[in-house]
C-alpha atoms as a PDB file:
ATOM      1  CA  UNK A   1      87.277 153.647  99.112  1.00  0.00           C
ATOM      2  CA  UNK A   2      85.269 151.779 102.245  1.00  0.00           C
ATOM      3  CA  UNK A   3      87.557 151.310 104.904  1.00  0.00           C
ATOM      4  CA  UNK A   4      89.031 148.022 105.813  1.00  0.00           C
ATOM      5  CA  UNK A   5      86.274 145.056 107.876  1.00  0.00           C
ATOM      6  CA  UNK A   6      86.668 145.626 111.520  1.00  0.00           C
ATOM      7  CA  UNK A   7      86.045 143.237 114.236  1.00  0.00           C
ATOM      8  CA  UNK A   8      85.198 143.072 117.755  1.00  0.00           C
ATOM      9  CA  UNK A   9      85.419 139.981 119.985  1.00  0.00           C
ATOM     10  CA  UNK A  10      83.889 140.824 123.764  1.00  0.00           C
ATOM     11  CA  UNK A  11      83.847 137.105 125.471  1.00  0.00           C
ATOM     12  CA  UNK A  12      83.281 134.843 122.684  1.00  0.00           C
ATOM     13  CA  UNK A  13      79.568 135.818 122.649  1.00  0.00           C
ATOM     14  CA  UNK A  14      79.614 138.990 120.970  1.00  0.00           C
ATOM     15  CA  UNK A  15      80.916 139.846 118.055  1.00  0.00           C
ATOM     16  CA  UNK A  16      80.903 143.464 115.795  1.00  0.00           C
ATOM     17  CA  UNK A  17      81.647 143.693 112.125  1.00  0.00           C
ATOM     18  CA  UNK A  18      81.853 147.325 110.817  1.00  0.00           C
ATOM     19  CA  UNK A  19      82.604 148.629 107.713  1.00  0.00           C
ATOM     20  CA  UNK A  20      81.142 145.091 105.702  1.00  0.00           C
ATOM     21  CA  UNK A  21      80.122 145.256 102.343  1.00  0.00           C
ATOM     22  CA  UNK A  22      77.409 142.383 102.307  1.00  0.00           C
ATOM     23  CA  UNK A  23      75.829 139.836 104.145  1.00  0.00           C
ATOM     24  CA  UNK A  24      76.079 136.384 102.253  1.00  0.00           C
ATOM     25  CA  UNK A  25      74.800 133.374 104.534  1.00  0.00           C
ATOM     26  CA  UNK A  26      73.573 132.914 107.663  1.00  0.00           C
ATOM     27  CA  UNK A  27      72.263 130.241 110.221  1.00  0.00           C
ATOM     28  CA  UNK A  28      72.364 129.300 113.602  1.00  0.00           C
ATOM     29  CA  UNK A  29      76.323 127.760 113.172  1.00  0.00           C
ATOM     30  CA  UNK A  30      77.159 130.313 110.459  1.00  0.00           C
ATOM     31  CA  UNK A  31      77.525 133.569 109.571  1.00  0.00           C
ATOM     32  CA  UNK A  32      79.243 134.830 106.108  1.00  0.00           C
ATOM     33  CA  UNK A  33      79.998 138.387 105.661  1.00  0.00           C
ATOM     34  CA  UNK A  34      82.449 139.620 102.900  1.00  0.00           C
ATOM     35  CA  UNK A  35      85.327 137.222 103.119  1.00  0.00           C
ATOM     36  CA  UNK A  36      84.542 136.823 106.992  1.00  0.00           C
ATOM     37  CA  UNK A  37      83.166 133.514 107.871  1.00  0.00           C
ATOM     38  CA  UNK A  38      81.918 133.250 111.914  1.00  0.00           C
ATOM     39  CA  UNK A  39      81.194 130.171 113.223  1.00  0.00           C
ATOM     40  CA  UNK A  40      79.679 129.015 116.500  1.00  0.00           C
ATOM     41  CA  UNK A  41      76.154 127.423 117.806  1.00  0.00           C
ATOM     42  CA  UNK A  42      73.136 129.605 118.663  1.00  0.00           C
ATOM     43  CA  UNK A  43      74.319 132.499 116.481  1.00  0.00           C
ATOM     44  CA  UNK A  44      72.123 135.259 116.099  1.00  0.00           C
ATOM     45  CA  UNK A  45      71.863 139.065 114.438  1.00  0.00           C
ATOM     46  CA  UNK A  46      71.133 141.272 117.262  1.00  0.00           C
ATOM     47  CA  UNK A  47      71.414 144.602 115.209  1.00  0.00           C
ATOM     48  CA  UNK A  48      72.377 145.702 111.484  1.00  0.00           C
ATOM     49  CA  UNK A  49      72.423 148.856 109.523  1.00  0.00           C
ATOM     50  CA  UNK A  50      74.715 149.775 106.284  1.00  0.00           C
ATOM     51  CA  UNK A  51      77.447 149.595 108.055  1.00  0.00           C
ATOM     52  CA  UNK A  52      77.173 147.331 111.407  1.00  0.00           C
ATOM     53  CA  UNK A  53      76.691 143.527 112.251  1.00  0.00           C
ATOM     54  CA  UNK A  54      76.205 142.893 115.803  1.00  0.00           C
ATOM     55  CA  UNK A  55      76.485 138.700 116.401  1.00  0.00           C
ATOM     56  CA  UNK A  56      75.371 137.086 119.610  1.00  0.00           C
ATOM     57  CA  UNK A  57      75.759 133.618 120.355  1.00  0.00           C
ATOM     58  CA  UNK A  58      78.717 131.347 121.064  1.00  0.00           C
ATOM     59  CA  UNK A  59      81.414 131.863 119.344  1.00  0.00           C
ATOM     60  CA  UNK A  60      83.919 129.276 118.049  1.00  0.00           C
ATOM     61  CA  UNK A  61      85.905 130.307 114.748  1.00  0.00           C
ATOM     62  CA  UNK A  62      86.288 133.834 113.131  1.00  0.00           C
ATOM     63  CA  UNK A  63      88.417 133.449 110.108  1.00  0.00           C
ATOM     64  CA  UNK A  64      89.117 135.245 106.853  1.00  0.00           C
ATOM     65  CA  UNK A  65      88.365 132.877 104.016  1.00  0.00           C
ATOM     66  CA  UNK A  66      90.676 134.310 100.467  1.00  0.00           C
ATOM     67  CA  UNK A  67      88.907 135.172  97.665  1.00  0.00           C
ATOM     68  CA  UNK A  68      88.998 131.881  95.313  1.00  0.00           C
ATOM     69  CA  UNK A  69      90.044 132.689  91.439  1.00  0.00           C
ATOM     70  CA  UNK A  70      88.191 130.611  88.569  1.00  0.00           C
END
């Protein structure tokens, strides 16, 4: 069983996400990881491996999206 996602944020400029499963979408304004949505400006992935993603940029919102059932 995989551990829960852990999010660490530093001064609205750096976010580290641990224990993620899948990177779903990335642009300069949005990063979607599993059910996690990160919005901001000039977002860039600086480091990525199987367990950690480090995102730099001006972060404005970190939001957990509930899974939608059809």
